[in-house]
PDB file of N, CA and C in Angstrom:
ATOM      1  N   UNK A   1      -6.005  55.227  38.528  1.00  0.00           N
ATOM      2  CA  UNK A   1      -6.734  53.978  38.561  1.00  0.00           C
ATOM      3  C   UNK A   1      -6.394  53.258  39.857  1.00  0.00           C
ATOM      4  N   UNK A   2      -7.408  52.615  40.404  1.00  0.00           N
ATOM      5  CA  UNK A   2      -7.223  51.829  41.615  1.00  0.00           C
ATOM      6  C   UNK A   2      -8.274  50.730  41.644  1.00  0.00           C
ATOM      7  N   UNK A   3      -7.988  49.659  42.348  1.00  0.00           N
ATOM      8  CA  UNK A   3      -8.983  48.606  42.524  1.00  0.00           C
ATOM      9  C   UNK A   3      -9.628  48.757  43.891  1.00  0.00           C
ATOM     10  N   UNK A   4     -10.900  48.428  43.938  1.00  0.00           N
ATOM     11  CA  UNK A   4     -11.648  48.434  45.188  1.00  0.00           C
ATOM     12  C   UNK A   4     -12.385  47.113  45.276  1.00  0.00           C
ATOM     13  N   UNK A   5     -12.055  46.303  46.275  1.00  0.00           N
ATOM     14  CA  UNK A   5     -12.678  44.992  46.438  1.00  0.00           C
ATOM     15  C   UNK A   5     -13.744  45.056  47.514  1.00  0.00           C
ATOM     16  N   UNK A   6     -14.895  44.464  47.219  1.00  0.00           N
ATOM     17  CA  UNK A   6     -15.981  44.369  48.185  1.00  0.00           C
ATOM     18  C   UNK A   6     -16.446  42.938  48.290  1.00  0.00           C
ATOM     19  N   UNK A   7     -17.462  42.707  49.091  1.00  0.00           N
ATOM     20  CA  UNK A   7     -17.967  41.356  49.299  1.00  0.00           C
ATOM     21  C   UNK A   7     -18.607  40.781  48.041  1.00  0.00           C
ATOM     22  N   UNK A   8     -19.273  41.618  47.250  1.00  0.00           N
ATOM     23  CA  UNK A   8     -19.998  41.145  46.078  1.00  0.00           C
ATOM     24  C   UNK A   8     -19.342  41.497  44.755  1.00  0.00           C
ATOM     25  N   UNK A   9     -18.383  42.420  44.774  1.00  0.00           N
ATOM     26  CA  UNK A   9     -17.778  42.845  43.509  1.00  0.00           C
ATOM     27  C   UNK A   9     -16.394  43.430  43.728  1.00  0.00           C
ATOM     28  N   UNK A  10     -15.664  43.516  42.624  1.00  0.00           N
ATOM     29  CA  UNK A  10     -14.383  44.206  42.580  1.00  0.00           C
ATOM     30  C   UNK A  10     -14.482  45.236  41.470  1.00  0.00           C
ATOM     31  N   UNK A  11     -13.984  46.435  41.737  1.00  0.00           N
ATOM     32  CA  UNK A  11     -14.077  47.508  40.754  1.00  0.00           C
ATOM     33  C   UNK A  11     -12.707  48.063  40.419  1.00  0.00           C
ATOM     34  N   UNK A  12     -12.552  48.451  39.171  1.00  0.00           N
ATOM     35  CA  UNK A  12     -11.406  49.219  38.723  1.00  0.00           C
ATOM     36  C   UNK A  12     -11.918  50.646  38.591  1.00  0.00           C
ATOM     37  N   UNK A  13     -11.394  51.554  39.442  1.00  0.00           N
ATOM     38  CA  UNK A  13     -11.932  52.909  39.562  1.00  0.00           C
ATOM     39  C   UNK A  13     -10.968  53.922  38.973  1.00  0.00           C
ATOM     40  N   UNK A  14     -11.513  54.838  38.186  1.00  0.00           N
ATOM     41  CA  UNK A  14     -10.730  55.929  37.611  1.00  0.00           C
ATOM     42  C   UNK A  14     -10.759  57.111  38.571  1.00  0.00           C
ATOM     43  N   UNK A  15      -9.591  57.669  38.870  1.00  0.00           N
ATOM     44  CA  UNK A  15      -9.489  58.826  39.758  1.00  0.00           C
ATOM     45  C   UNK A  15      -9.042  60.051  38.978  1.00  0.00           C
ATOM     46  N   UNK A  16      -9.519  61.203  39.415  1.00  0.00           N
ATOM     47  CA  UNK A  16      -9.247  62.471  38.724  1.00  0.00           C
ATOM     48  C   UNK A  16      -7.755  62.776  38.656  1.00  0.00           C
ATOM     49  N   UNK A  17      -7.333  63.240  37.483  1.00  0.00           N
ATOM     50  CA  UNK A  17      -5.959  63.696  37.293  1.00  0.00           C
ATOM     51  C   UNK A  17      -5.884  65.216  37.314  1.00  0.00           C
ATOM     52  N   UNK A  18      -6.999  65.857  36.970  1.00  0.00           N
ATOM     53  CA  UNK A  18      -7.054  67.309  36.865  1.00  0.00           C
ATOM     54  C   UNK A  18      -8.313  67.817  37.550  1.00  0.00           C
ATOM     55  N   UNK A  19      -8.342  69.092  37.836  1.00  0.00           N
ATOM     56  CA  UNK A  19      -9.520  69.715  38.415  1.00  0.00           C
ATOM     57  C   UNK A  19     -10.366  70.334  37.305  1.00  0.00           C
ATOM     58  N   UNK A  20     -10.699  69.536  36.307  1.00  0.00           N
ATOM     59  CA  UNK A  20     -11.489  69.972  35.166  1.00  0.00           C
ATOM     60  C   UNK A  20     -12.461  68.851  34.843  1.00  0.00           C
ATOM     61  N   UNK A  21     -13.703  69.000  35.264  1.00  0.00           N
ATOM     62  CA  UNK A  21     -14.691  67.922  35.150  1.00  0.00           C
ATOM     63  C   UNK A  21     -14.894  67.459  33.707  1.00  0.00           C
ATOM     64  N   UNK A  22     -14.936  68.398  32.768  1.00  0.00           N
ATOM     65  CA  UNK A  22     -15.164  68.022  31.371  1.00  0.00           C
ATOM     66  C   UNK A  22     -14.026  67.154  30.839  1.00  0.00           C
ATOM     67  N   UNK A  23     -12.795  67.551  31.117  1.00  0.00           N
ATOM     68  CA  UNK A  23     -11.643  66.760  30.679  1.00  0.00           C
ATOM     69  C   UNK A  23     -11.611  65.429  31.423  1.00  0.00           C
ATOM     70  N   UNK A  24     -11.916  65.450  32.707  1.00  0.00           N
ATOM     71  CA  UNK A  24     -11.858  64.224  33.494  1.00  0.00           C
ATOM     72  C   UNK A  24     -12.881  63.195  33.019  1.00  0.00           C
ATOM     73  N   UNK A  25     -14.068  63.643  32.641  1.00  0.00           N
ATOM     74  CA  UNK A  25     -15.064  62.694  32.135  1.00  0.00           C
ATOM     75  C   UNK A  25     -14.540  61.971  30.893  1.00  0.00           C
ATOM     76  N   UNK A  26     -13.882  62.705  29.999  1.00  0.00           N
ATOM     77  CA  UNK A  26     -13.284  62.099  28.808  1.00  0.00           C
ATOM     78  C   UNK A  26     -12.179  61.122  29.208  1.00  0.00           C
ATOM     79  N   UNK A  27     -11.298  61.568  30.116  1.00  0.00           N
ATOM     80  CA  UNK A  27     -10.182  60.720  30.538  1.00  0.00           C
ATOM     81  C   UNK A  27     -10.656  59.464  31.262  1.00  0.00           C
ATOM     82  N   UNK A  28     -11.746  59.570  32.031  1.00  0.00           N
ATOM     83  CA  UNK A  28     -12.287  58.385  32.708  1.00  0.00           C
ATOM     84  C   UNK A  28     -12.632  57.296  31.697  1.00  0.00           C
ATOM     85  N   UNK A  29     -13.370  57.668  30.654  1.00  0.00           N
ATOM     86  CA  UNK A  29     -13.751  56.692  29.624  1.00  0.00           C
ATOM     87  C   UNK A  29     -12.506  56.145  28.932  1.00  0.00           C
ATOM     88  N   UNK A  30     -11.590  57.038  28.589  1.00  0.00           N
ATOM     89  CA  UNK A  30     -10.364  56.628  27.901  1.00  0.00           C
ATOM     90  C   UNK A  30      -9.543  55.657  28.746  1.00  0.00           C
ATOM     91  N   UNK A  31      -9.337  55.965  30.007  1.00  0.00           N
ATOM     92  CA  UNK A  31      -8.511  55.107  30.866  1.00  0.00           C
ATOM     93  C   UNK A  31      -9.171  53.761  31.146  1.00  0.00           C
ATOM     94  N   UNK A  32     -10.472  53.771  31.390  1.00  0.00           N
ATOM     95  CA  UNK A  32     -11.161  52.503  31.632  1.00  0.00           C
ATOM     96  C   UNK A  32     -11.185  51.634  30.376  1.00  0.00           C
ATOM     97  N   UNK A  33     -11.414  52.252  29.227  1.00  0.00           N
ATOM     98  CA  UNK A  33     -11.414  51.501  27.966  1.00  0.00           C
ATOM     99  C   UNK A  33     -10.033  50.921  27.683  1.00  0.00           C
ATOM    100  N   UNK A  34      -8.990  51.709  27.921  1.00  0.00           N
ATOM    101  CA  UNK A  34      -7.622  51.234  27.697  1.00  0.00           C
ATOM    102  C   UNK A  34      -7.292  50.074  28.625  1.00  0.00           C
ATOM    103  N   UNK A  35      -7.670  50.188  29.895  1.00  0.00           N
ATOM    104  CA  UNK A  35      -7.399  49.120  30.865  1.00  0.00           C
ATOM    105  C   UNK A  35      -8.128  47.832  30.480  1.00  0.00           C
ATOM    106  N   UNK A  36      -9.387  47.956  30.081  1.00  0.00           N
ATOM    107  CA  UNK A  36     -10.143  46.766  29.707  1.00  0.00           C
ATOM    108  C   UNK A  36      -9.590  46.145  28.428  1.00  0.00           C
ATOM    109  N   UNK A  37      -9.232  46.969  27.465  1.00  0.00           N
ATOM    110  CA  UNK A  37      -8.630  46.439  26.231  1.00  0.00           C
ATOM    111  C   UNK A  37      -7.333  45.698  26.526  1.00  0.00           C
ATOM    112  N   UNK A  38      -6.501  46.261  27.379  1.00  0.00           N
ATOM    113  CA  UNK A  38      -5.244  45.593  27.745  1.00  0.00           C
ATOM    114  C   UNK A  38      -5.522  44.261  28.438  1.00  0.00           C
ATOM    115  N   UNK A  39      -6.478  44.257  29.365  1.00  0.00           N
ATOM    116  CA  UNK A  39      -6.804  43.019  30.087  1.00  0.00           C
ATOM    117  C   UNK A  39      -7.358  41.953  29.145  1.00  0.00           C
ATOM    118  N   UNK A  40      -8.099  42.382  28.155  1.00  0.00           N
ATOM    119  CA  UNK A  40      -8.672  41.420  27.201  1.00  0.00           C
ATOM    120  C   UNK A  40      -7.615  40.797  26.294  1.00  0.00           C
ATOM    121  N   UNK A  41      -6.426  41.347  26.259  1.00  0.00           N
ATOM    122  CA  UNK A  41      -5.347  40.795  25.445  1.00  0.00           C
ATOM    123  C   UNK A  41      -4.532  39.753  26.200  1.00  0.00           C
ATOM    124  N   UNK A  42      -4.795  39.584  27.497  1.00  0.00           N
ATOM    125  CA  UNK A  42      -4.076  38.568  28.262  1.00  0.00           C
ATOM    126  C   UNK A  42      -4.365  37.194  27.671  1.00  0.00           C
ATOM    127  N   UNK A  43      -3.378  36.314  27.614  1.00  0.00           N
ATOM    128  CA  UNK A  43      -3.549  35.052  26.895  1.00  0.00           C
ATOM    129  C   UNK A  43      -4.433  34.018  27.565  1.00  0.00           C
ATOM    130  N   UNK A  44      -4.705  34.113  28.855  1.00  0.00           N
ATOM    131  CA  UNK A  44      -5.407  33.021  29.532  1.00  0.00           C
ATOM    132  C   UNK A  44      -6.786  33.370  30.068  1.00  0.00           C
ATOM    133  N   UNK A  45      -7.017  34.600  30.455  1.00  0.00           N
ATOM    134  CA  UNK A  45      -8.265  34.920  31.139  1.00  0.00           C
ATOM    135  C   UNK A  45      -9.252  35.654  30.246  1.00  0.00           C
ATOM    136  N   UNK A  46     -10.509  35.320  30.413  1.00  0.00           N
ATOM    137  CA  UNK A  46     -11.579  36.064  29.759  1.00  0.00           C
ATOM    138  C   UNK A  46     -12.044  37.113  30.759  1.00  0.00           C
ATOM    139  N   UNK A  47     -11.911  38.361  30.408  1.00  0.00           N
ATOM    140  CA  UNK A  47     -12.285  39.458  31.287  1.00  0.00           C
ATOM    141  C   UNK A  47     -13.656  39.952  30.864  1.00  0.00           C
ATOM    142  N   UNK A  48     -14.666  39.759  31.719  1.00  0.00           N
ATOM    143  CA  UNK A  48     -16.025  40.188  31.394  1.00  0.00           C
ATOM    144  C   UNK A  48     -16.591  41.010  32.553  1.00  0.00           C
ATOM    145  N   UNK A  49     -16.695  42.312  32.370  1.00  0.00           N
ATOM    146  CA  UNK A  49     -17.264  43.129  33.436  1.00  0.00           C
ATOM    147  C   UNK A  49     -18.762  42.896  33.597  1.00  0.00           C
ATOM    148  N   UNK A  50     -19.240  43.120  34.806  1.00  0.00           N
ATOM    149  CA  UNK A  50     -20.671  43.046  35.081  1.00  0.00           C
ATOM    150  C   UNK A  50     -21.363  44.305  34.572  1.00  0.00           C
ATOM    151  N   UNK A  51     -20.696  45.461  34.776  1.00  0.00           N
ATOM    152  CA  UNK A  51     -21.228  46.734  34.290  1.00  0.00           C
ATOM    153  C   UNK A  51     -20.122  47.781  34.347  1.00  0.00           C
ATOM    154  N   UNK A  52     -20.350  48.871  33.631  1.00  0.00           N
ATOM    155  CA  UNK A  52     -19.462  50.033  33.670  1.00  0.00           C
ATOM    156  C   UNK A  52     -20.298  51.213  34.134  1.00  0.00           C
ATOM    157  N   UNK A  53     -19.771  51.965  35.092  1.00  0.00           N
ATOM    158  CA  UNK A  53     -20.438  53.163  35.596  1.00  0.00           C
ATOM    159  C   UNK A  53     -19.565  54.359  35.253  1.00  0.00           C
ATOM    160  N   UNK A  54     -20.170  55.386  34.640  1.00  0.00           N
ATOM    161  CA  UNK A  54     -19.415  56.558  34.223  1.00  0.00           C
ATOM    162  C   UNK A  54     -19.971  57.815  34.882  1.00  0.00           C
ATOM    163  N   UNK A  55     -19.092  58.552  35.530  1.00  0.00           N
ATOM    164  CA  UNK A  55     -19.455  59.830  36.142  1.00  0.00           C
ATOM    165  C   UNK A  55     -19.662  60.829  35.008  1.00  0.00           C
ATOM    166  N   UNK A  56     -20.712  61.625  35.106  1.00  0.00           N
ATOM    167  CA  UNK A  56     -20.962  62.582  34.033  1.00  0.00           C
ATOM    168  C   UNK A  56     -21.254  61.857  32.733  1.00  0.00           C
ATOM    169  N   UNK A  57     -20.660  62.310  31.653  1.00  0.00           N
ATOM    170  CA  UNK A  57     -20.780  61.676  30.333  1.00  0.00           C
ATOM    171  C   UNK A  57     -22.221  61.495  29.879  1.00  0.00           C
ATOM    172  N   UNK A  58     -23.090  62.410  30.250  1.00  0.00           N
ATOM    173  CA  UNK A  58     -24.507  62.291  29.869  1.00  0.00           C
ATOM    174  C   UNK A  58     -24.708  62.399  28.354  1.00  0.00           C
ATOM    175  N   UNK A  59     -23.738  62.952  27.649  1.00  0.00           N
ATOM    176  CA  UNK A  59     -23.806  63.074  26.194  1.00  0.00           C
ATOM    177  C   UNK A  59     -23.375  61.791  25.477  1.00  0.00           C
ATOM    178  N   UNK A  60     -22.786  60.869  26.201  1.00  0.00           N
ATOM    179  CA  UNK A  60     -22.252  59.637  25.628  1.00  0.00           C
ATOM    180  C   UNK A  60     -23.375  58.749  25.096  1.00  0.00           C
ATOM    181  N   UNK A  61     -23.153  58.130  23.966  1.00  0.00           N
ATOM    182  CA  UNK A  61     -24.111  57.186  23.413  1.00  0.00           C
ATOM    183  C   UNK A  61     -24.043  55.892  24.232  1.00  0.00           C
ATOM    184  N   UNK A  62     -25.092  55.615  24.978  1.00  0.00           N
ATOM    185  CA  UNK A  62     -25.102  54.419  25.830  1.00  0.00           C
ATOM    186  C   UNK A  62     -24.981  53.149  24.989  1.00  0.00           C
ATOM    187  N   UNK A  63     -25.653  53.105  23.847  1.00  0.00           N
ATOM    188  CA  UNK A  63     -25.589  51.896  23.022  1.00  0.00           C
ATOM    189  C   UNK A  63     -24.186  51.671  22.472  1.00  0.00           C
ATOM    190  N   UNK A  64     -23.497  52.747  22.094  1.00  0.00           N
ATOM    191  CA  UNK A  64     -22.131  52.605  21.597  1.00  0.00           C
ATOM    192  C   UNK A  64     -21.194  52.149  22.718  1.00  0.00           C
ATOM    193  N   UNK A  65     -21.357  52.723  23.901  1.00  0.00           N
ATOM    194  CA  UNK A  65     -20.523  52.337  25.045  1.00  0.00           C
ATOM    195  C   UNK A  65     -20.796  50.890  25.441  1.00  0.00           C
ATOM    196  N   UNK A  66     -22.061  50.482  25.430  1.00  0.00           N
ATOM    197  CA  UNK A  66     -22.391  49.097  25.774  1.00  0.00           C
ATOM    198  C   UNK A  66     -21.825  48.118  24.756  1.00  0.00           C
ATOM    199  N   UNK A  67     -21.826  48.499  23.500  1.00  0.00           N
ATOM    200  CA  UNK A  67     -21.242  47.635  22.474  1.00  0.00           C
ATOM    201  C   UNK A  67     -19.739  47.490  22.676  1.00  0.00           C
ATOM    202  N   UNK A  68     -19.068  48.584  23.029  1.00  0.00           N
ATOM    203  CA  UNK A  68     -17.627  48.528  23.230  1.00  0.00           C
ATOM    204  C   UNK A  68     -17.268  47.722  24.480  1.00  0.00           C
ATOM    205  N   UNK A  69     -17.888  48.051  25.620  1.00  0.00           N
ATOM    206  CA  UNK A  69     -17.549  47.394  26.884  1.00  0.00           C
ATOM    207  C   UNK A  69     -18.169  46.000  27.005  1.00  0.00           C
ATOM    208  N   UNK A  70     -19.157  45.685  26.169  1.00  0.00           N
ATOM    209  CA  UNK A  70     -19.847  44.382  26.161  1.00  0.00           C
ATOM    210  C   UNK A  70     -20.537  44.086  27.490  1.00  0.00           C
ATOM    211  N   UNK A  71     -21.171  45.131  28.051  1.00  0.00           N
ATOM    212  CA  UNK A  71     -21.923  45.000  29.294  1.00  0.00           C
ATOM    213  C   UNK A  71     -22.784  46.256  29.452  1.00  0.00           C
ATOM    214  N   UNK A  72     -23.708  46.247  30.406  1.00  0.00           N
ATOM    215  CA  UNK A  72     -24.499  47.459  30.638  1.00  0.00           C
ATOM    216  C   UNK A  72     -23.603  48.628  31.066  1.00  0.00           C
ATOM    217  N   UNK A  73     -23.956  49.842  30.605  1.00  0.00           N
ATOM    218  CA  UNK A  73     -23.216  51.057  30.956  1.00  0.00           C
ATOM    219  C   UNK A  73     -24.189  52.042  31.589  1.00  0.00           C
ATOM    220  N   UNK A  74     -23.822  52.544  32.766  1.00  0.00           N
ATOM    221  CA  UNK A  74     -24.614  53.532  33.492  1.00  0.00           C
ATOM    222  C   UNK A  74     -23.888  54.869  33.388  1.00  0.00           C
ATOM    223  N   UNK A  75     -24.574  55.907  32.904  1.00  0.00           N
ATOM    224  CA  UNK A  75     -23.975  57.239  32.858  1.00  0.00           C
ATOM    225  C   UNK A  75     -24.558  58.082  33.987  1.00  0.00           C
ATOM    226  N   UNK A  76     -23.779  59.065  34.440  1.00  0.00           N
ATOM    227  CA  UNK A  76     -24.214  59.925  35.534  1.00  0.00           C
ATOM    228  C   UNK A  76     -23.987  59.319  36.907  1.00  0.00           C
ATOM    229  N   UNK A  77     -23.089  58.338  37.016  1.00  0.00           N
ATOM    230  CA  UNK A  77     -22.790  57.704  38.302  1.00  0.00           C
ATOM    231  C   UNK A  77     -21.927  58.634  39.167  1.00  0.00           C
ATOM    232  N   UNK A  78     -21.743  58.267  40.428  1.00  0.00           N
ATOM    233  CA  UNK A  78     -20.915  59.061  41.341  1.00  0.00           C
ATOM    234  C   UNK A  78     -19.435  58.986  41.000  1.00  0.00           C
ATOM    235  N   UNK A  79     -18.994  57.826  40.530  1.00  0.00           N
ATOM    236  CA  UNK A  79     -17.600  57.627  40.132  1.00  0.00           C
ATOM    237  C   UNK A  79     -17.579  56.815  38.840  1.00  0.00           C
ATOM    238  N   UNK A  80     -16.455  56.857  38.141  1.00  0.00           N
ATOM    239  CA  UNK A  80     -16.286  56.063  36.920  1.00  0.00           C
ATOM    240  C   UNK A  80     -15.528  54.799  37.275  1.00  0.00           C
ATOM    241  N   UNK A  81     -16.116  53.645  36.918  1.00  0.00           N
ATOM    242  CA  UNK A  81     -15.485  52.373  37.262  1.00  0.00           C
ATOM    243  C   UNK A  81     -16.021  51.242  36.417  1.00  0.00           C
ATOM    244  N   UNK A  82     -15.219  50.188  36.362  1.00  0.00           N
ATOM    245  CA  UNK A  82     -15.637  48.924  35.770  1.00  0.00           C
ATOM    246  C   UNK A  82     -15.891  47.984  36.944  1.00  0.00           C
ATOM    247  N   UNK A  83     -17.063  47.364  36.974  1.00  0.00           N
ATOM    248  CA  UNK A  83     -17.446  46.489  38.082  1.00  0.00           C
ATOM    249  C   UNK A  83     -17.432  45.044  37.597  1.00  0.00           C
ATOM    250  N   UNK A  84     -16.719  44.212  38.351  1.00  0.00           N
ATOM    251  CA  UNK A  84     -16.672  42.779  38.083  1.00  0.00           C
ATOM    252  C   UNK A  84     -17.499  42.074  39.152  1.00  0.00           C
ATOM    253  N   UNK A  85     -18.204  41.017  38.778  1.00  0.00           N
ATOM    254  CA  UNK A  85     -19.204  40.383  39.633  1.00  0.00           C
ATOM    255  C   UNK A  85     -18.672  39.866  40.963  1.00  0.00           C
ATOM    256  N   UNK A  86     -17.518  39.259  40.986  1.00  0.00           N
ATOM    257  CA  UNK A  86     -17.010  38.697  42.230  1.00  0.00           C
ATOM    258  C   UNK A  86     -15.579  39.155  42.449  1.00  0.00           C
ATOM    259  N   UNK A  87     -15.164  39.262  43.685  1.00  0.00           N
ATOM    260  CA  UNK A  87     -13.809  39.745  43.963  1.00  0.00           C
ATOM    261  C   UNK A  87     -12.703  38.927  43.321  1.00  0.00           C
ATOM    262  N   UNK A  88     -12.944  37.635  43.120  1.00  0.00           N
ATOM    263  CA  UNK A  88     -11.877  36.790  42.584  1.00  0.00           C
ATOM    264  C   UNK A  88     -12.086  36.421  41.121  1.00  0.00           C
ATOM    265  N   UNK A  89     -12.976  37.097  40.416  1.00  0.00           N
ATOM    266  CA  UNK A  89     -13.283  36.696  39.045  1.00  0.00           C
ATOM    267  C   UNK A  89     -12.098  36.800  38.105  1.00  0.00           C
ATOM    268  N   UNK A  90     -11.189  37.716  38.364  1.00  0.00           N
ATOM    269  CA  UNK A  90      -9.999  37.832  37.528  1.00  0.00           C
ATOM    270  C   UNK A  90      -8.871  36.984  38.098  1.00  0.00           C
ATOM    271  N   UNK A  91      -8.621  37.093  39.389  1.00  0.00           N
ATOM    272  CA  UNK A  91      -7.453  36.471  40.003  1.00  0.00           C
ATOM    273  C   UNK A  91      -7.450  34.952  39.904  1.00  0.00           C
ATOM    274  N   UNK A  92      -8.610  34.319  40.001  1.00  0.00           N
ATOM    275  CA  UNK A  92      -8.623  32.860  39.986  1.00  0.00           C
ATOM    276  C   UNK A  92      -8.710  32.283  38.582  1.00  0.00           C
ATOM    277  N   UNK A  93      -9.018  33.115  37.612  1.00  0.00           N
ATOM    278  CA  UNK A  93      -9.111  32.619  36.242  1.00  0.00           C
ATOM    279  C   UNK A  93     -10.210  31.596  36.075  1.00  0.00           C
ATOM    280  N   UNK A  94     -11.373  31.846  36.670  1.00  0.00           N
ATOM    281  CA  UNK A  94     -12.476  30.886  36.594  1.00  0.00           C
ATOM    282  C   UNK A  94     -12.879  30.589  35.156  1.00  0.00           C
ATOM    283  N   UNK A  95     -12.748  31.565  34.304  1.00  0.00           N
ATOM    284  CA  UNK A  95     -13.054  31.360  32.897  1.00  0.00           C
ATOM    285  C   UNK A  95     -11.768  31.550  32.120  1.00  0.00           C
ATOM    286  N   UNK A  96     -11.364  30.564  31.393  1.00  0.00           N
ATOM    287  CA  UNK A  96     -10.110  30.646  30.647  1.00  0.00           C
ATOM    288  C   UNK A  96     -10.375  30.656  29.160  1.00  0.00           C
ATOM    289  N   UNK A  97      -9.610  31.470  28.474  1.00  0.00           N
ATOM    290  CA  UNK A  97      -9.667  31.551  27.018  1.00  0.00           C
ATOM    291  C   UNK A  97      -8.916  30.341  26.460  1.00  0.00           C
ATOM    292  N   UNK A  98      -9.461  29.718  25.434  1.00  0.00           N
ATOM    293  CA  UNK A  98      -8.775  28.587  24.807  1.00  0.00           C
ATOM    294  C   UNK A  98      -7.569  29.072  24.048  1.00  0.00           C
ATOM    295  N   UNK A  99      -6.476  28.399  24.224  1.00  0.00           N
ATOM    296  CA  UNK A  99      -5.238  28.733  23.515  1.00  0.00           C
ATOM    297  C   UNK A  99      -5.180  27.940  22.222  1.00  0.00           C
ATOM    298  N   UNK A 100      -4.806  28.581  21.149  1.00  0.00           N
ATOM    299  CA  UNK A 100      -4.692  27.894  19.851  1.00  0.00           C
ATOM    300  C   UNK A 100      -3.348  27.252  19.709  1.00  0.00           C
TER     301      UNK A 100
END
């Protein structure tokens, strides 16, 4: 996993661990889902991706993936990543979760 910051977005990108495309496609979804779930447990910030792009995974149910990630999901992309709308959307905490 690595972050890539651009002018219009910041992405959390999954990188291959093995030279096995079928296994890597599964691991990409697993690692991105785990990272997003962990981020959503942070006490102060609301983490809302703009979209998720998944390399391969053409067999994946898009509606199920969209329900889980709570954003549009593109399958068959060049790389697997979670895209956030602005580079500082997480770091500045523009949207804060209410604390009970």
